[in-house]
Protein backbone atom coordinates (compact mmCIF):
# COMPACT_ATOMS: atom_id res chain seq x y z
CA MET A 1 24.59 -31.66 -13.04
CA PRO A 2 25.91 -29.18 -11.84
CA SER A 3 27.82 -29.38 -8.40
CA HIS A 4 26.97 -27.21 -4.97
CA THR A 5 30.31 -25.66 -5.67
CA ASP A 6 29.50 -24.47 -9.75
CA ARG A 7 30.68 -20.89 -10.57
CA SER A 8 27.04 -20.05 -11.14
CA PHE A 9 26.46 -19.57 -7.42
CA ASP A 10 29.20 -16.92 -7.60
CA VAL A 11 26.79 -14.39 -9.07
CA LEU A 12 24.90 -14.31 -5.78
CA ALA A 13 28.00 -12.67 -4.54
CA ALA A 14 28.10 -10.24 -7.23
CA ALA A 15 24.47 -9.17 -7.16
CA HIS A 16 24.66 -9.00 -3.13
CA ALA A 17 27.41 -6.31 -4.29
CA ALA A 18 25.59 -4.45 -6.56
CA ALA A 19 22.69 -4.39 -4.62
CA ARG A 20 24.49 -2.72 -1.53
CA ARG A 21 26.61 -0.36 -3.59
CA TYR A 22 23.19 0.89 -4.77
CA ARG A 23 21.61 1.47 -1.53
CA GLN A 24 24.67 2.73 0.17
CA SER A 25 24.61 5.47 -2.72
CA VAL A 26 20.97 6.40 -3.24
CA GLY A 27 20.68 8.98 -0.89
CA ASP A 28 23.62 10.73 -3.18
CA ARG A 29 21.92 10.24 -6.26
CA PRO A 30 18.78 12.22 -7.70
CA GLN A 31 16.13 11.16 -6.58
CA ARG A 32 14.49 10.27 -9.59
CA PRO A 33 15.46 8.14 -13.15
CA GLU A 34 18.47 9.31 -14.79
CA LEU A 35 17.03 8.02 -17.96
CA ASP A 36 13.24 8.29 -18.99
CA TYR A 37 11.11 4.89 -20.02
CA ALA A 38 11.24 6.13 -23.80
CA THR A 39 15.11 6.20 -23.90
CA LEU A 40 15.53 3.48 -21.85
CA ARG A 41 12.95 1.44 -23.92
CA ALA A 42 15.03 2.44 -27.35
CA GLY A 43 17.89 1.24 -25.98
CA ALA A 44 17.26 -2.00 -24.83
CA SER A 45 15.22 -2.63 -28.44
CA VAL A 46 17.45 -5.62 -29.39
CA ALA A 47 17.05 -8.90 -30.93
CA THR A 48 15.95 -12.05 -28.77
CA PRO A 49 19.27 -13.77 -27.90
CA GLU A 50 20.27 -17.17 -29.42
CA GLN A 51 23.42 -17.95 -27.51
CA GLY A 52 23.13 -17.67 -23.72
CA THR A 53 25.44 -15.52 -21.48
CA ALA A 54 27.83 -16.33 -18.32
CA ALA A 55 25.72 -15.87 -15.20
CA ASP A 56 28.19 -12.63 -14.50
CA GLU A 57 27.75 -11.09 -17.82
CA THR A 58 24.18 -11.42 -17.57
CA ILE A 59 23.41 -9.77 -13.94
CA ALA A 60 26.35 -6.81 -14.99
CA ALA A 61 23.73 -6.74 -18.23
CA LEU A 62 21.02 -6.20 -15.99
CA ILE A 63 22.37 -4.06 -13.56
CA ALA A 64 23.36 -1.80 -16.61
CA LEU A 65 20.29 -1.73 -18.37
CA ALA A 66 18.23 -1.24 -14.97
CA GLU A 67 20.13 1.39 -12.82
CA PRO A 68 19.62 4.23 -15.29
CA GLY A 69 16.01 4.13 -14.74
CA LEU A 70 15.54 3.35 -11.20
CA ASN A 71 13.47 5.60 -9.12
CA ALA A 72 14.93 6.26 -5.62
CA MET A 73 11.95 4.89 -3.92
CA THR A 74 14.01 3.69 -1.30
CA GLY A 75 16.08 7.01 -0.88
CA PRO A 76 15.29 9.21 1.97
CA ARG A 77 13.88 12.04 0.23
CA PHE A 78 11.38 10.30 -1.75
CA PHE A 79 7.67 11.76 -1.21
CA GLY A 80 5.96 11.13 -4.60
CA TRP A 81 3.93 8.33 -3.65
CA VAL A 82 2.42 6.56 -0.25
CA ILE A 83 5.43 3.74 -0.74
CA GLY A 84 7.72 2.50 2.00
CA GLY A 85 11.34 2.27 1.47
CA SER A 86 12.12 -1.68 1.54
CA HIS A 87 14.19 -1.70 4.65
CA PRO A 88 17.43 -3.78 4.66
CA VAL A 89 16.27 -6.14 7.05
CA GLY A 90 13.27 -7.01 4.73
CA VAL A 91 15.01 -7.38 1.93
CA ALA A 92 17.59 -9.43 3.41
CA ALA A 93 14.76 -11.99 4.76
CA ASP A 94 13.39 -11.33 1.00
CA TRP A 95 16.68 -12.31 -0.59
CA LEU A 96 16.56 -15.62 1.43
CA ALA A 97 13.20 -16.06 0.75
CA SER A 98 14.02 -16.10 -3.06
CA ALA A 99 17.35 -18.34 -2.50
CA TRP A 100 15.16 -20.58 -0.58
CA GLY A 101 12.76 -21.20 -3.37
CA GLN A 102 9.78 -22.41 -1.54
CA ASN A 103 6.45 -22.43 -2.50
CA ALA A 104 4.18 -21.18 0.51
CA GLY A 105 1.09 -22.85 -0.59
CA ASN A 106 0.83 -25.03 2.21
CA HIS A 107 2.35 -26.41 5.40
CA LEU A 108 3.55 -29.28 4.04
CA ALA A 109 5.47 -28.27 1.19
CA SER A 110 7.06 -25.53 3.58
CA PRO A 111 6.35 -25.93 6.93
CA SER A 112 8.92 -22.67 7.46
CA ALA A 113 6.96 -20.67 5.30
CA ALA A 114 3.68 -21.30 6.88
CA VAL A 115 4.87 -20.90 10.61
CA ALA A 116 6.36 -17.50 9.86
CA GLU A 117 3.03 -16.56 8.35
CA GLU A 118 1.07 -17.95 11.33
CA VAL A 119 3.68 -15.97 13.83
CA ALA A 120 3.56 -12.74 11.73
CA ALA A 121 -0.12 -12.77 11.29
CA ARG A 122 -0.46 -12.75 14.99
CA TRP A 123 2.02 -10.07 15.66
CA LEU A 124 0.47 -8.00 13.03
CA LEU A 125 -3.16 -8.11 14.73
CA ASP A 126 -1.48 -7.29 18.02
CA ILE A 127 0.38 -4.30 17.09
CA LEU A 128 -2.68 -2.88 14.70
CA ALA A 129 -4.91 -3.55 17.93
CA LEU A 130 -7.52 -5.68 15.21
CA PRO A 131 -9.18 -8.93 16.74
CA ALA A 132 -6.98 -11.69 17.59
CA SER A 133 -9.18 -14.16 16.04
CA ALA A 134 -9.23 -12.63 12.37
CA SER A 135 -7.68 -14.59 9.95
CA VAL A 136 -4.96 -13.06 7.66
CA GLY A 137 -3.76 -13.13 4.27
CA PHE A 138 -0.47 -12.60 2.59
CA ALA A 139 -1.28 -11.19 -0.69
CA THR A 140 0.75 -8.91 -3.25
CA GLY A 141 -0.29 -5.53 -1.58
CA ALA A 142 -3.58 -3.31 -0.83
CA THR A 143 -5.17 -4.01 -4.07
CA MET A 144 -5.52 -7.39 -3.74
CA ALA A 145 -6.34 -7.62 -0.14
CA ASN A 146 -9.22 -5.22 -0.91
CA PHE A 147 -10.23 -7.93 -3.46
CA ILE A 148 -9.88 -10.89 -1.30
CA CYS A 149 -11.88 -8.68 1.39
CA LEU A 150 -14.39 -7.80 -0.57
CA ALA A 151 -14.44 -11.44 -1.68
CA ALA A 152 -15.39 -12.72 1.70
CA ALA A 153 -17.86 -10.19 2.29
CA ARG A 154 -19.72 -10.96 -0.62
CA SER A 155 -19.63 -14.22 0.38
CA LEU A 156 -20.94 -13.90 3.91
CA VAL A 157 -24.01 -11.44 3.00
CA LEU A 158 -25.33 -13.66 0.26
CA GLU A 159 -25.03 -16.83 2.78
CA ARG A 160 -27.23 -14.79 4.89
CA ALA A 161 -29.48 -14.25 2.23
CA ASN A 162 -29.44 -18.12 1.11
CA TRP A 163 -27.55 -17.72 -1.88
CA ASP A 164 -24.12 -19.57 -2.02
CA VAL A 165 -22.41 -17.31 -4.33
CA ASP A 166 -18.99 -19.28 -3.94
CA ALA A 167 -21.03 -22.50 -5.65
CA ARG A 168 -23.89 -20.58 -7.90
CA GLY A 169 -21.87 -17.61 -8.96
CA LEU A 170 -23.77 -14.41 -9.04
CA PHE A 171 -26.61 -15.38 -11.97
CA GLY A 172 -29.52 -14.94 -10.03
CA ALA A 173 -28.36 -13.63 -6.78
CA PRO A 174 -29.93 -11.01 -4.40
CA GLU A 175 -28.58 -7.56 -5.58
CA ILE A 176 -25.85 -6.23 -3.04
CA ASP A 177 -25.66 -2.47 -2.27
CA VAL A 178 -22.14 -1.10 -2.39
CA LEU A 179 -21.74 1.84 -0.05
CA ILE A 180 -18.91 3.70 -0.94
CA GLY A 181 -17.17 7.24 -0.54
CA ASP A 182 -16.38 9.71 -3.33
CA ASP A 183 -12.75 9.82 -2.48
CA ALA A 184 -12.26 6.22 -2.23
CA HIS A 185 -9.13 4.61 -3.83
CA VAL A 186 -9.07 3.52 -7.40
CA THR A 187 -8.02 -0.15 -6.54
CA VAL A 188 -11.16 -0.45 -4.52
CA PHE A 189 -12.89 0.05 -7.34
CA VAL A 190 -11.01 -2.59 -9.42
CA GLY A 191 -11.99 -5.41 -6.62
CA LEU A 192 -15.47 -4.59 -7.16
CA ARG A 193 -15.36 -4.75 -11.16
CA LEU A 194 -13.06 -8.31 -10.61
CA LEU A 195 -15.78 -9.68 -8.46
CA GLY A 196 -18.95 -8.73 -10.73
CA LEU A 197 -20.11 -6.06 -8.42
CA GLY A 198 -19.46 -3.08 -10.34
CA GLN A 199 -17.69 -0.08 -10.35
CA GLU A 200 -20.08 2.53 -11.70
CA ARG A 201 -23.12 0.79 -10.03
CA VAL A 202 -22.19 1.98 -6.32
CA ARG A 203 -23.99 4.54 -4.05
CA ARG A 204 -21.34 7.02 -3.45
CA VAL A 205 -21.41 8.85 -0.45
CA ALA A 206 -20.80 12.65 0.10
CA THR A 207 -17.37 13.44 1.69
CA ASP A 208 -15.73 16.84 3.70
CA SER A 209 -13.23 18.60 2.52
CA GLN A 210 -10.37 16.47 3.66
CA GLY A 211 -12.11 13.75 2.01
CA ARG A 212 -14.14 11.65 4.99
CA ILE A 213 -17.18 10.09 4.29
CA VAL A 214 -20.04 12.17 6.10
CA ALA A 215 -21.50 10.15 8.56
CA ASP A 216 -24.71 11.79 8.03
CA ALA A 217 -24.78 11.09 4.37
CA PHE A 218 -23.58 7.42 5.10
CA ARG A 219 -27.11 6.90 7.22
CA ALA A 220 -29.18 8.77 4.54
CA ALA A 221 -27.62 6.33 1.74
CA LEU A 222 -27.95 3.35 3.96
CA ASP A 223 -31.81 3.97 4.47
CA GLU A 224 -32.04 3.56 0.88
CA THR A 225 -31.08 0.13 0.59
CA LYS A 226 -33.15 -2.96 1.30
CA GLY A 227 -30.93 -6.05 0.76
CA PRO A 228 -27.27 -6.60 1.34
CA VAL A 229 -24.82 -4.08 1.85
CA ILE A 230 -21.10 -4.19 1.49
CA ALA A 231 -19.88 -0.65 2.83
CA ILE A 232 -16.18 0.45 2.21
CA ALA A 233 -14.72 2.92 4.48
CA GLN A 234 -10.86 4.45 4.50
CA ALA A 235 -8.49 4.68 6.80
CA GLY A 236 -5.80 7.22 4.71
CA GLN A 237 -6.80 8.97 1.98
CA LEU A 238 -4.28 9.13 -0.40
CA ASN A 239 -4.13 12.91 -0.55
CA THR A 240 -4.90 14.17 2.80
CA GLY A 241 -4.13 11.11 5.12
CA ALA A 242 -7.92 11.44 6.57
CA ILE A 243 -9.96 8.72 8.20
CA ASP A 244 -13.72 7.87 7.42
CA PRO A 245 -15.80 7.66 10.84
CA VAL A 246 -15.62 3.98 10.54
CA GLY A 247 -17.11 3.74 14.44
CA ALA A 248 -20.04 5.46 13.38
CA MET A 249 -20.64 3.80 10.31
CA ALA A 250 -20.17 0.25 12.01
CA ASP A 251 -22.84 1.40 14.67
CA ALA A 252 -25.55 2.28 11.76
CA LEU A 253 -24.82 -1.48 10.22
CA VAL A 254 -25.91 -3.19 13.43
CA GLY A 255 -28.89 -5.42 12.68
CA ARG A 256 -28.50 -5.36 8.80
CA ASN A 257 -27.19 -7.92 6.33
CA ALA A 258 -24.08 -5.67 6.22
CA TRP A 259 -20.48 -6.27 5.73
CA LEU A 260 -17.93 -3.04 6.48
CA HIS A 261 -14.63 -3.09 4.85
CA VAL A 262 -11.54 -0.97 5.76
CA ASP A 263 -9.16 0.03 2.87
CA GLY A 264 -6.34 0.95 5.05
CA ALA A 265 -3.25 0.75 2.69
CA PHE A 266 -1.15 2.87 4.81
CA GLY A 267 -3.57 4.70 7.30
CA LEU A 268 -4.59 1.31 9.15
CA TRP A 269 -1.01 1.84 10.82
CA ALA A 270 -2.08 4.82 12.60
CA ARG A 271 -3.11 2.43 14.93
CA ALA A 272 0.23 1.41 15.64
CA ALA A 273 1.58 4.80 17.35
CA PRO A 274 -0.10 5.88 20.98
CA GLU A 275 0.40 9.62 18.92
CA THR A 276 -2.04 8.63 15.85
CA ALA A 277 -4.24 5.90 17.34
CA GLY A 278 -7.02 8.09 18.41
CA LEU A 279 -7.49 9.19 14.63
CA ALA A 280 -8.18 5.28 13.99
CA ALA A 281 -10.55 5.15 16.89
CA GLY A 282 -13.64 2.60 15.82
CA VAL A 283 -11.68 1.07 13.19
CA GLU A 284 -11.39 -2.26 15.10
CA LYS A 285 -15.41 -2.50 14.55
CA ALA A 286 -15.44 -3.49 11.01
CA ASP A 287 -15.59 -6.98 9.34
CA SER A 288 -12.35 -6.72 7.17
CA TRP A 289 -9.37 -4.75 6.87
CA ALA A 290 -6.63 -4.40 3.70
CA THR A 291 -3.41 -2.83 4.37
CA ASP A 292 0.34 -2.83 2.92
CA GLY A 293 3.29 -4.25 4.49
CA HIS A 294 5.38 -2.48 1.44
CA LYS A 295 3.95 1.23 2.80
CA TRP A 296 4.57 1.70 6.42
CA LEU A 297 6.01 -1.31 7.32
CA GLN A 298 8.96 -1.28 5.09
CA THR A 299 8.73 -4.69 3.89
CA PRO A 300 9.69 -5.37 0.23
CA TYR A 301 7.47 -5.21 -2.42
CA ASP A 302 4.73 -8.12 -3.09
CA THR A 303 3.54 -7.61 0.61
CA GLY A 304 -0.26 -6.69 1.32
CA TYR A 305 -2.40 -8.37 4.42
CA ALA A 306 -6.43 -9.02 4.04
CA ILE A 307 -7.49 -9.35 7.45
CA VAL A 308 -10.80 -10.64 8.27
CA ARG A 309 -13.09 -11.12 11.03
CA HIS A 310 -15.27 -13.77 10.10
CA ALA A 311 -12.41 -16.48 8.99
CA GLN A 312 -14.89 -18.92 8.04
CA ALA A 313 -16.37 -17.04 5.26
CA HIS A 314 -12.47 -15.76 4.47
CA ARG A 315 -11.59 -19.51 3.97
CA ARG A 316 -14.45 -20.61 1.76
CA ALA A 317 -14.33 -17.36 -0.76
CA MET A 318 -10.24 -18.54 -1.28
CA ALA A 319 -9.65 -21.61 -0.40
CA THR A 320 -8.15 -24.23 -3.00
CA ALA A 321 -9.00 -27.88 -2.51
CA ALA A 322 -7.33 -31.07 -4.73
CA SER A 323 -6.67 -34.80 -3.91
CA TYR A 324 -3.17 -34.09 -4.32
CA LEU A 325 -3.26 -31.34 -1.50
CA PRO A 326 -2.70 -32.08 1.98
CA SER A 327 -5.92 -30.82 4.04
CA ALA A 328 -5.06 -28.86 6.98
CA GLY A 329 -6.65 -30.23 10.48
CA VAL A 330 -8.84 -28.05 12.54
CA ASP A 331 -6.04 -26.30 14.34
CA GLU A 332 -3.67 -25.63 11.33
CA ARG A 333 -3.36 -22.94 8.74
CA ASP A 334 -2.58 -23.34 5.11
CA PRO A 335 -1.20 -19.92 3.67
CA ALA A 336 -3.34 -20.45 0.47
CA HIS A 337 -6.60 -20.91 2.42
CA TYR A 338 -6.63 -16.89 2.67
CA VAL A 339 -5.37 -16.19 -0.91
CA PRO A 340 -6.24 -16.92 -4.20
CA GLU A 341 -2.78 -18.22 -5.18
CA LEU A 342 -1.74 -21.56 -4.70
CA SER A 343 1.94 -21.52 -5.73
CA ARG A 344 3.34 -18.04 -4.72
CA ARG A 345 6.64 -16.73 -2.87
CA ALA A 346 7.12 -16.90 1.04
CA ARG A 347 5.86 -13.81 1.73
CA GLY A 348 5.85 -14.12 5.65
CA PHE A 349 9.33 -14.29 6.05
CA ALA A 350 10.18 -10.89 5.41
CA THR A 351 6.99 -9.77 7.33
CA TRP A 352 8.57 -11.65 10.31
CA ALA A 353 11.72 -9.90 9.82
CA ILE A 354 10.64 -6.40 10.24
CA ILE A 355 8.71 -7.07 13.26
CA GLN A 356 11.47 -8.74 14.84
CA HIS A 357 13.59 -6.23 13.82
CA LEU A 358 11.60 -3.29 14.81
CA GLY A 359 9.17 -4.31 17.37
CA ARG A 360 6.06 -2.52 18.23
CA ILE A 361 8.27 0.15 19.99
CA GLY A 362 10.17 0.83 16.90
CA ILE A 363 7.19 0.77 14.69
CA ALA A 364 5.40 3.15 16.73
CA ALA A 365 8.50 5.73 16.75
CA MET A 366 8.85 5.72 12.98
CA VAL A 367 5.03 6.41 12.45
CA ALA A 368 5.30 8.80 14.92
CA ARG A 369 8.64 10.49 13.57
CA HIS A 370 7.02 10.43 9.76
CA CYS A 371 3.85 12.39 11.13
CA LYS A 372 5.89 14.86 12.83
CA ILE A 373 8.26 15.49 9.61
CA ALA A 374 5.32 15.57 7.24
CA ARG A 375 3.58 18.43 9.45
CA ASN A 376 6.97 20.30 9.83
CA MET A 377 7.35 20.48 6.02
CA ALA A 378 3.63 21.37 5.39
CA GLN A 379 4.39 24.48 7.85
CA ARG A 380 7.83 25.52 6.16
CA LEU A 381 6.42 25.10 3.06
CA ALA A 382 3.09 27.17 3.71
CA ALA A 383 4.85 30.01 5.40
CA GLU A 384 5.97 31.26 1.70
CA ASP A 385 4.39 33.71 0.46
CA GLY A 386 1.80 32.49 -2.31
CA VAL A 387 1.64 28.97 -0.86
CA ALA A 388 -1.28 27.21 0.69
CA LEU A 389 -1.47 24.19 2.48
CA VAL A 390 -4.77 22.28 1.63
CA ASN A 391 -5.44 19.55 3.89
CA GLU A 392 -5.17 18.93 7.64
CA VAL A 393 -1.78 17.08 8.15
CA THR A 394 -3.16 14.57 10.64
CA LEU A 395 -1.00 11.90 9.44
CA ASN A 396 2.10 11.60 7.06
CA GLN A 397 0.20 13.09 3.85
CA ALA A 398 0.65 16.96 2.70
CA ILE A 399 -0.88 18.58 -0.28
CA LEU A 400 0.20 22.19 -1.24
CA ARG A 401 -0.76 24.68 -3.82
CA PHE A 402 1.74 27.02 -5.01
CA GLY A 403 0.66 30.68 -6.59
CA ALA A 404 -2.64 30.56 -4.18
CA ASP A 405 -2.40 34.13 -4.46
CA ARG A 406 -3.54 33.84 -8.09
CA SER A 407 -6.31 32.99 -10.17
CA ASP A 408 -7.26 29.05 -10.16
CA GLU A 409 -5.50 28.68 -13.92
CA GLU A 410 -2.17 30.47 -12.38
CA GLY A 411 -2.13 28.45 -9.44
CA ASP A 412 -2.56 25.16 -11.80
CA ALA A 413 0.36 26.10 -13.79
CA LEU A 414 2.30 27.46 -11.11
CA THR A 415 2.09 24.00 -9.06
CA ARG A 416 2.70 22.01 -12.28
CA ARG A 417 5.74 24.07 -12.96
CA THR A 418 7.24 23.99 -9.38
CA ILE A 419 6.99 20.40 -9.27
CA GLU A 420 8.58 20.43 -12.83
CA LEU A 421 11.27 22.42 -11.85
CA ALA A 422 11.79 20.12 -8.11
CA LEU A 423 11.85 16.82 -10.57
CA GLN A 424 14.56 18.23 -12.65
CA ASP A 425 16.67 19.55 -9.36
CA GLY A 426 16.33 16.07 -7.84
CA THR A 427 16.95 17.17 -4.33
CA CYS A 428 13.71 15.36 -3.63
CA PHE A 429 11.14 13.66 -5.55
CA VAL A 430 7.59 14.82 -5.56
CA GLY A 431 4.26 14.42 -7.25
CA GLY A 432 1.10 16.27 -8.27
CA ALA A 433 -2.64 15.28 -8.25
CA LEU A 434 -5.93 16.76 -8.50
CA TRP A 435 -7.59 17.68 -5.52
CA ARG A 436 -11.41 19.27 -5.67
CA GLY A 437 -10.40 19.92 -9.51
CA ARG A 438 -7.27 21.99 -8.87
CA TRP A 439 -3.70 20.86 -8.75
CA VAL A 440 -1.30 20.42 -6.23
CA MET A 441 1.53 18.96 -5.02
CA ARG A 442 1.59 15.75 -2.80
CA LEU A 443 4.16 14.69 0.01
CA SER A 444 3.99 11.45 1.13
CA VAL A 445 6.58 10.87 3.87
CA ILE A 446 6.70 7.32 4.65
CA GLY A 447 10.71 5.97 3.90
CA TRP A 448 12.35 4.54 7.19
CA SER A 449 15.58 6.30 5.94
CA THR A 450 13.83 9.92 6.05
CA THR A 451 15.27 12.40 8.73
CA LYS A 452 14.85 15.83 9.59
CA ASP A 453 17.61 16.68 7.87
CA ASP A 454 16.61 15.22 4.36
CA ALA A 455 12.94 16.92 4.93
CA ASP A 456 14.59 20.36 5.28
CA ARG A 457 17.16 20.36 2.84
CA SER A 458 13.93 19.05 0.53
CA VAL A 459 11.72 22.10 1.85
CA ASP A 460 14.54 24.44 0.93
CA ALA A 461 14.76 22.80 -2.52
CA LEU A 462 11.42 23.11 -2.97
CA LEU A 463 11.26 26.53 -2.02
CA ASP A 464 13.78 27.27 -4.46
CA ALA A 465 11.83 25.85 -7.26
CA TYR A 466 8.83 27.59 -6.57
CA ARG A 467 10.59 31.06 -6.55
CA LYS A 468 12.02 30.29 -9.62
CA ALA A 469 9.04 29.28 -11.36
CA ARG A 470 7.34 32.16 -9.89
CA SER A 471 9.60 34.66 -11.75
CA GLU A 472 9.11 32.69 -15.00
CA SER A 473 5.53 33.53 -14.40
């Protein structure tokens, strides 16, 4: 058996040094991968190793393989998708979680992991101004958090209809009407599919120009339902940042056998800042909420939160029981009671560390700063001839169209070419999307390290790309 002084452990220091070098230099690198997937794949297609290699050689080989294909998601000018920047404090806590090697399934296996989750969950509810009695499951991300919340919803609305879906399944169960906005995120449909509720049998509700559910349309759709209802709202439309009228939706559901869920992957964090909290007023009336830690909270990946007002329904839908597992007391919380996994990493450590480091005031300031930067970037870009701001920049999202003074087809081509040239330049990373049938550029300001100077530098590069694209056409 190797001893604790075995040289194999030196590899931890080597990995730390490489990670630190990368993070300290990421802002100076092109904010995109140096090599694409096809090139990396061709270079990595080697035979299965017959003989092992030394620990330090293995890590060096991994770094050589991976670094050219890394995107600058932790960089200060990454605006392509709504993903956070993995704050160093969260990364350090996540390193410790990996080094400690704790299975966070229950409080007997790892008391520390269980307590970290319990405390971090209480802090989350407080910061997001959600019911203190709600249960919180630490999931892999918002996709799984949506799934967990919808599983609890399915369980409770069918229980009210005298059907135990957790024991009997869906065969013969009363039909559930699912109401969802036309501009809901695709991952919610994944959850519905996995739960046997179907992604196409839903009742789609009309949305406005910003992707918000129209309250009157929701009430009309609700009037057409007869049985149990699961309604799904959105806090933070992925392109516009818009938040559905959750309060009005909740009021319409009063007296019905219904559950209102909020997909708040990033927009739920609007409640953390006084400047934006009003945008999410009424969200607290819902029955469940899903959000990400690895977006606006800046934790490393593999962190999402399934928050459920009805803790008993949450636990009934998720809990795992077996004779070899400990039984939690009435006032004890086992992490595995609220997520599908039994064996999993200790996700609570990174969340605890980030909230401890930033505090309520720091989180609020970060959210407000990102929203201000997004507004300033959008205004500067839209001041250019032929550039149109498509959305109301209420949070951290801006979508813009280039060549707005030309035909729709020419505008599509000019927008896509501008994005292409911007990525070639590498000053910043931006993405494109179809919005109402036309191509737009998406700007998502959400990295902890992004400053006004980063934003100004990025706008200069984007305008250069646009002017070059326009001169070509």
